[in-house]
Amino acid sequence: MQFQSEFIRNEVLPRLGGLLQTACAAPETELLSILPRLTELDPQAARLLTQWADEMAALSPGARAELHTHTFELNPSCVLYVSVHLFGQESFKRAKLMTGLDDAYHTAGFDRCGELPDHLGVILRFAPRFGSDEWDDLVRLCLLPTTEKMHGALAQSDNPYRRLIEAVAGLIAQEAQREVIHDRA
């Protein structure tokens, strides 16, 4: 269980975070290094990611970029900013979360690539660098409710990103479950 969690946190989630930050030109090549091990550990997530990559590969680069924009920037229920899902656009709590995340990134010398600190892709890319307690809190309090909302918003659509978000939500749920099991031990 610990090995699986480390692989997901250190290898899978950062890769998926990068895919969320941009309309990837070749999504299937981005996933090649993680799919064999992920297939062994979580066949459902691997299947979803393979299907997503296949759907995205069938689109032109312009269509991929348009789909990314439509899905995550023009659809309020799927905005990639975690604190918006939790606290709304204007909130002291949102500012506090963003400041805390930004401090962690700055201390580590981590490049957010021009995104706000609470961008889901940025948080996932930084996952291996969070301390265990920080990560557990982020998963339970921020990432789990956010990814569940996003998954619910896309689940019944034909949008290819529904598969990527479902995979992310499932992996985050596993991380939350690991935390519960770890706390009981």
C-alpha atoms as a PDB file:
ATOM      1  CA  MET A   1       0.000   0.000   0.000  1.00  0.00           C
ATOM      2  CA  GLN A   2       2.803   2.446   0.886  1.00  0.00           C
ATOM      3  CA  PHE A   3       4.650   1.692  -2.369  1.00  0.00           C
ATOM      4  CA  GLN A   4       1.471   2.300  -4.361  1.00  0.00           C
ATOM      5  CA  SER A   5       0.854   5.609  -2.602  1.00  0.00           C
ATOM      6  CA  GLU A   6       4.429   6.770  -3.170  1.00  0.00           C
ATOM      7  CA  PHE A   7       4.232   5.925  -6.878  1.00  0.00           C
ATOM      8  CA  ILE A   8       0.934   7.748  -7.244  1.00  0.00           C
ATOM      9  CA  ARG A   9       2.118  10.811  -5.316  1.00  0.00           C
ATOM     10  CA  ASN A  10       5.636  10.982  -6.764  1.00  0.00           C
ATOM     11  CA  GLU A  11       5.100   9.835 -10.347  1.00  0.00           C
ATOM     12  CA  VAL A  12       1.474   9.767 -11.442  1.00  0.00           C
ATOM     13  CA  LEU A  13      -0.059  12.894  -9.914  1.00  0.00           C
ATOM     14  CA  PRO A  14       2.758  15.237 -11.028  1.00  0.00           C
ATOM     15  CA  ARG A  15       2.444  13.898 -14.591  1.00  0.00           C
ATOM     16  CA  LEU A  16      -1.332  14.378 -14.536  1.00  0.00           C
ATOM     17  CA  GLY A  17      -0.861  17.853 -13.090  1.00  0.00           C
ATOM     18  CA  GLY A  18       1.231  18.775 -16.099  1.00  0.00           C
ATOM     19  CA  LEU A  19      -1.494  17.477 -18.398  1.00  0.00           C
ATOM     20  CA  LEU A  20      -4.045  19.672 -16.622  1.00  0.00           C
ATOM     21  CA  GLN A  21      -1.926  22.770 -17.038  1.00  0.00           C
ATOM     22  CA  THR A  22      -1.855  22.681 -20.788  1.00  0.00           C
ATOM     23  CA  ALA A  23      -3.521  21.280 -23.852  1.00  0.00           C
ATOM     24  CA  CYS A  24      -0.820  18.674 -24.334  1.00  0.00           C
ATOM     25  CA  ALA A  25       0.444  18.202 -27.871  1.00  0.00           C
ATOM     26  CA  ALA A  26       1.026  14.463 -27.446  1.00  0.00           C
ATOM     27  CA  PRO A  27      -0.815  13.212 -24.347  1.00  0.00           C
ATOM     28  CA  GLU A  28      -0.066   9.579 -25.068  1.00  0.00           C
ATOM     29  CA  THR A  29       3.695  10.168 -24.891  1.00  0.00           C
ATOM     30  CA  GLU A  30       3.283  12.012 -21.587  1.00  0.00           C
ATOM     31  CA  LEU A  31       1.677   8.901 -20.099  1.00  0.00           C
ATOM     32  CA  LEU A  32       4.005   6.227 -21.517  1.00  0.00           C
ATOM     33  CA  SER A  33       6.352   6.128 -18.537  1.00  0.00           C
ATOM     34  CA  ILE A  34       3.611   5.684 -15.923  1.00  0.00           C
ATOM     35  CA  LEU A  35       0.984   3.509 -17.631  1.00  0.00           C
ATOM     36  CA  PRO A  36       2.678   0.091 -17.252  1.00  0.00           C
ATOM     37  CA  ARG A  37       3.055   0.406 -13.453  1.00  0.00           C
ATOM     38  CA  LEU A  38      -0.265   2.195 -13.060  1.00  0.00           C
ATOM     39  CA  THR A  39      -1.986  -0.622 -14.956  1.00  0.00           C
ATOM     40  CA  GLU A  40      -0.733  -3.046 -12.308  1.00  0.00           C
ATOM     41  CA  LEU A  41      -1.695  -0.809  -9.379  1.00  0.00           C
ATOM     42  CA  ASP A  42      -4.909   0.779 -10.615  1.00  0.00           C
ATOM     43  CA  PRO A  43      -6.259  -0.711 -13.839  1.00  0.00           C
ATOM     44  CA  GLN A  44      -9.301   1.600 -13.786  1.00  0.00           C
ATOM     45  CA  ALA A  45      -7.182   4.773 -13.711  1.00  0.00           C
ATOM     46  CA  ALA A  46      -4.871   3.389 -16.407  1.00  0.00           C
ATOM     47  CA  ARG A  47      -7.856   2.537 -18.624  1.00  0.00           C
ATOM     48  CA  LEU A  48      -9.359   6.007 -18.192  1.00  0.00           C
ATOM     49  CA  LEU A  49      -6.061   7.704 -18.983  1.00  0.00           C
ATOM     50  CA  THR A  50      -5.493   5.543 -22.059  1.00  0.00           C
ATOM     51  CA  GLN A  51      -8.984   6.340 -23.333  1.00  0.00           C
ATOM     52  CA  TRP A  52      -8.451  10.045 -22.645  1.00  0.00           C
ATOM     53  CA  ALA A  53      -5.103  10.044 -24.470  1.00  0.00           C
ATOM     54  CA  ASP A  54      -6.637   8.242 -27.447  1.00  0.00           C
ATOM     55  CA  GLU A  55      -9.496  10.748 -27.646  1.00  0.00           C
ATOM     56  CA  MET A  56      -7.119  13.690 -27.360  1.00  0.00           C
ATOM     57  CA  ALA A  57      -4.711  12.262 -29.940  1.00  0.00           C
ATOM     58  CA  ALA A  58      -7.565  12.181 -32.445  1.00  0.00           C
ATOM     59  CA  LEU A  59      -7.949  15.966 -32.135  1.00  0.00           C
ATOM     60  CA  SER A  60      -5.847  18.588 -33.865  1.00  0.00           C
ATOM     61  CA  PRO A  61      -3.615  20.748 -31.643  1.00  0.00           C
ATOM     62  CA  GLY A  62      -6.015  23.659 -32.110  1.00  0.00           C
ATOM     63  CA  ALA A  63      -9.018  21.532 -31.164  1.00  0.00           C
ATOM     64  CA  ARG A  64      -7.178  20.283 -28.057  1.00  0.00           C
ATOM     65  CA  ALA A  65      -6.407  23.854 -27.002  1.00  0.00           C
ATOM     66  CA  GLU A  66     -10.001  24.928 -27.624  1.00  0.00           C
ATOM     67  CA  LEU A  67     -11.339  21.968 -25.642  1.00  0.00           C
ATOM     68  CA  HIS A  68      -8.990  22.723 -22.724  1.00  0.00           C
ATOM     69  CA  THR A  69     -10.125  26.351 -22.671  1.00  0.00           C
ATOM     70  CA  HIS A  70     -13.802  25.446 -22.992  1.00  0.00           C
ATOM     71  CA  THR A  71     -13.587  22.801 -20.268  1.00  0.00           C
ATOM     72  CA  PHE A  72     -11.502  24.558 -17.642  1.00  0.00           C
ATOM     73  CA  GLU A  73     -11.725  28.282 -18.292  1.00  0.00           C
ATOM     74  CA  LEU A  74     -15.247  28.831 -19.598  1.00  0.00           C
ATOM     75  CA  ASN A  75     -17.012  26.248 -17.443  1.00  0.00           C
ATOM     76  CA  PRO A  76     -17.313  27.527 -13.835  1.00  0.00           C
ATOM     77  CA  SER A  77     -17.982  24.036 -12.467  1.00  0.00           C
ATOM     78  CA  CYS A  78     -14.621  22.798 -13.781  1.00  0.00           C
ATOM     79  CA  VAL A  79     -12.335  25.748 -13.159  1.00  0.00           C
ATOM     80  CA  LEU A  80      -8.915  24.404 -12.193  1.00  0.00           C
ATOM     81  CA  TYR A  81      -8.488  26.728  -9.209  1.00  0.00           C
ATOM     82  CA  VAL A  82      -9.035  24.607  -6.109  1.00  0.00           C
ATOM     83  CA  SER A  83      -9.867  27.512  -3.794  1.00  0.00           C
ATOM     84  CA  VAL A  84     -12.663  28.727  -6.083  1.00  0.00           C
ATOM     85  CA  HIS A  85     -14.421  25.376  -5.587  1.00  0.00           C
ATOM     86  CA  LEU A  86     -13.916  25.593  -1.844  1.00  0.00           C
ATOM     87  CA  PHE A  87     -14.442  29.277  -1.045  1.00  0.00           C
ATOM     88  CA  GLY A  88     -15.705  31.108  -4.129  1.00  0.00           C
ATOM     89  CA  GLN A  89     -13.954  33.817  -6.161  1.00  0.00           C
ATOM     90  CA  GLU A  90     -13.501  36.410  -3.426  1.00  0.00           C
ATOM     91  CA  SER A  91     -12.682  35.110   0.006  1.00  0.00           C
ATOM     92  CA  PHE A  92     -10.151  35.656   2.748  1.00  0.00           C
ATOM     93  CA  LYS A  93      -9.842  31.866   3.034  1.00  0.00           C
ATOM     94  CA  ARG A  94      -9.010  31.657  -0.667  1.00  0.00           C
ATOM     95  CA  ALA A  95      -6.276  34.278  -0.277  1.00  0.00           C
ATOM     96  CA  LYS A  96      -4.894  32.469   2.780  1.00  0.00           C
ATOM     97  CA  LEU A  97      -4.722  29.133   0.947  1.00  0.00           C
ATOM     98  CA  MET A  98      -3.069  30.723  -2.076  1.00  0.00           C
ATOM     99  CA  THR A  99      -0.511  32.522   0.110  1.00  0.00           C
ATOM    100  CA  GLY A 100       0.358  29.307   1.942  1.00  0.00           C
ATOM    101  CA  LEU A 101       0.783  27.403  -1.307  1.00  0.00           C
ATOM    102  CA  ASP A 102       2.836  30.189  -2.851  1.00  0.00           C
ATOM    103  CA  ASP A 103       5.139  30.243   0.177  1.00  0.00           C
ATOM    104  CA  ALA A 104       5.719  26.487  -0.152  1.00  0.00           C
ATOM    105  CA  TYR A 105       6.502  26.824  -3.863  1.00  0.00           C
ATOM    106  CA  HIS A 106       8.810  29.790  -3.307  1.00  0.00           C
ATOM    107  CA  THR A 107      10.724  28.017  -0.513  1.00  0.00           C
ATOM    108  CA  ALA A 108      11.267  25.003  -2.786  1.00  0.00           C
ATOM    109  CA  GLY A 109      12.233  27.114  -5.815  1.00  0.00           C
ATOM    110  CA  PHE A 110       9.308  25.617  -7.716  1.00  0.00           C
ATOM    111  CA  ASP A 111       8.130  27.210 -10.972  1.00  0.00           C
ATOM    112  CA  ARG A 112       4.344  27.546 -11.206  1.00  0.00           C
ATOM    113  CA  CYS A 113       4.690  28.247 -14.947  1.00  0.00           C
ATOM    114  CA  GLY A 114       2.619  31.420 -14.669  1.00  0.00           C
ATOM    115  CA  GLU A 115      -0.358  29.774 -12.973  1.00  0.00           C
ATOM    116  CA  LEU A 116      -1.953  30.832  -9.701  1.00  0.00           C
ATOM    117  CA  PRO A 117      -0.783  28.834  -6.665  1.00  0.00           C
ATOM    118  CA  ASP A 118      -4.101  27.021  -6.223  1.00  0.00           C
ATOM    119  CA  HIS A 119      -4.231  25.652  -9.778  1.00  0.00           C
ATOM    120  CA  LEU A 120      -4.946  21.918  -9.532  1.00  0.00           C
ATOM    121  CA  GLY A 121      -2.201  21.105 -12.031  1.00  0.00           C
ATOM    122  CA  VAL A 122       0.383  23.084 -10.053  1.00  0.00           C
ATOM    123  CA  ILE A 123      -0.594  21.415  -6.783  1.00  0.00           C
ATOM    124  CA  LEU A 124      -0.372  17.955  -8.357  1.00  0.00           C
ATOM    125  CA  ARG A 125       3.013  18.722  -9.916  1.00  0.00           C
ATOM    126  CA  PHE A 126       4.252  19.796  -6.479  1.00  0.00           C
ATOM    127  CA  ALA A 127       2.742  16.761  -4.674  1.00  0.00           C
ATOM    128  CA  PRO A 128       6.046  14.963  -4.000  1.00  0.00           C
ATOM    129  CA  ARG A 129       7.470  18.047  -2.278  1.00  0.00           C
ATOM    130  CA  PHE A 130       4.715  18.608   0.280  1.00  0.00           C
ATOM    131  CA  GLY A 131       5.384  17.285   3.772  1.00  0.00           C
ATOM    132  CA  SER A 132       3.249  14.289   4.746  1.00  0.00           C
ATOM    133  CA  ASP A 133       0.950  16.275   7.026  1.00  0.00           C
ATOM    134  CA  GLU A 134       0.573  19.084   4.486  1.00  0.00           C
ATOM    135  CA  TRP A 135      -0.206  16.589   1.753  1.00  0.00           C
ATOM    136  CA  ASP A 136      -2.727  14.712   3.870  1.00  0.00           C
ATOM    137  CA  ASP A 137      -4.508  17.976   4.737  1.00  0.00           C
ATOM    138  CA  LEU A 138      -4.519  19.126   1.114  1.00  0.00           C
ATOM    139  CA  VAL A 139      -5.910  15.812  -0.066  1.00  0.00           C
ATOM    140  CA  ARG A 140      -8.652  15.619   2.537  1.00  0.00           C
ATOM    141  CA  LEU A 141      -9.666  19.279   2.773  1.00  0.00           C
ATOM    142  CA  CYS A 142      -8.978  20.626  -0.707  1.00  0.00           C
ATOM    143  CA  LEU A 143      -8.279  18.110  -3.447  1.00  0.00           C
ATOM    144  CA  LEU A 144     -10.900  15.485  -2.640  1.00  0.00           C
ATOM    145  CA  PRO A 145     -13.891  17.859  -2.597  1.00  0.00           C
ATOM    146  CA  THR A 146     -12.616  19.759  -5.635  1.00  0.00           C
ATOM    147  CA  THR A 147     -11.971  16.735  -7.833  1.00  0.00           C
ATOM    148  CA  GLU A 148     -15.275  15.156  -6.783  1.00  0.00           C
ATOM    149  CA  LYS A 149     -17.125  18.334  -7.848  1.00  0.00           C
ATOM    150  CA  MET A 150     -15.288  18.479 -11.145  1.00  0.00           C
ATOM    151  CA  HIS A 151     -15.915  14.805 -11.802  1.00  0.00           C
ATOM    152  CA  GLY A 152     -19.613  15.251 -11.056  1.00  0.00           C
ATOM    153  CA  ALA A 153     -19.809  18.175 -13.470  1.00  0.00           C
ATOM    154  CA  LEU A 154     -18.202  16.233 -16.331  1.00  0.00           C
ATOM    155  CA  ALA A 155     -19.364  12.666 -15.659  1.00  0.00           C
ATOM    156  CA  GLN A 156     -22.398  12.687 -17.932  1.00  0.00           C
ATOM    157  CA  SER A 157     -20.799  14.672 -20.740  1.00  0.00           C
ATOM    158  CA  ASP A 158     -18.999  13.456 -23.845  1.00  0.00           C
ATOM    159  CA  ASN A 159     -16.057  15.741 -23.056  1.00  0.00           C
ATOM    160  CA  PRO A 160     -12.810  13.722 -23.234  1.00  0.00           C
ATOM    161  CA  TYR A 161     -11.535  15.499 -20.108  1.00  0.00           C
ATOM    162  CA  ARG A 162     -14.164  13.613 -18.094  1.00  0.00           C
ATOM    163  CA  ARG A 163     -11.845  10.609 -18.199  1.00  0.00           C
ATOM    164  CA  LEU A 164      -8.765  12.531 -17.044  1.00  0.00           C
ATOM    165  CA  ILE A 165     -10.720  14.168 -14.212  1.00  0.00           C
ATOM    166  CA  GLU A 166     -12.286  10.828 -13.225  1.00  0.00           C
ATOM    167  CA  ALA A 167      -8.814   9.276 -13.035  1.00  0.00           C
ATOM    168  CA  VAL A 168      -7.475  12.195 -10.960  1.00  0.00           C
ATOM    169  CA  ALA A 169     -10.516  12.091  -8.653  1.00  0.00           C
ATOM    170  CA  GLY A 170     -10.120   8.334  -8.165  1.00  0.00           C
ATOM    171  CA  LEU A 171      -6.427   8.619  -7.364  1.00  0.00           C
ATOM    172  CA  ILE A 172      -7.071  11.472  -4.928  1.00  0.00           C
ATOM    173  CA  ALA A 173      -9.805   9.376  -3.273  1.00  0.00           C
ATOM    174  CA  GLN A 174      -7.261   6.560  -2.871  1.00  0.00           C
ATOM    175  CA  GLU A 175      -4.851   9.015  -1.259  1.00  0.00           C
ATOM    176  CA  ALA A 176      -7.614  10.118   1.143  1.00  0.00           C
ATOM    177  CA  GLN A 177      -8.423   6.470   1.929  1.00  0.00           C
ATOM    178  CA  ARG A 178      -4.740   5.754   2.573  1.00  0.00           C
ATOM    179  CA  GLU A 179      -4.710   8.617   5.040  1.00  0.00           C
ATOM    180  CA  VAL A 180      -7.722   7.181   6.915  1.00  0.00           C
ATOM    181  CA  ILE A 181      -6.122   3.720   7.052  1.00  0.00           C
ATOM    182  CA  HIS A 182      -2.803   5.223   8.164  1.00  0.00           C
ATOM    183  CA  ASP A 183      -4.500   7.208  10.944  1.00  0.00           C
ATOM    184  CA  ARG A 184      -6.267   4.076  12.264  1.00  0.00           C
ATOM    185  CA  ALA A 185      -3.038   2.075  12.405  1.00  0.00           C
END
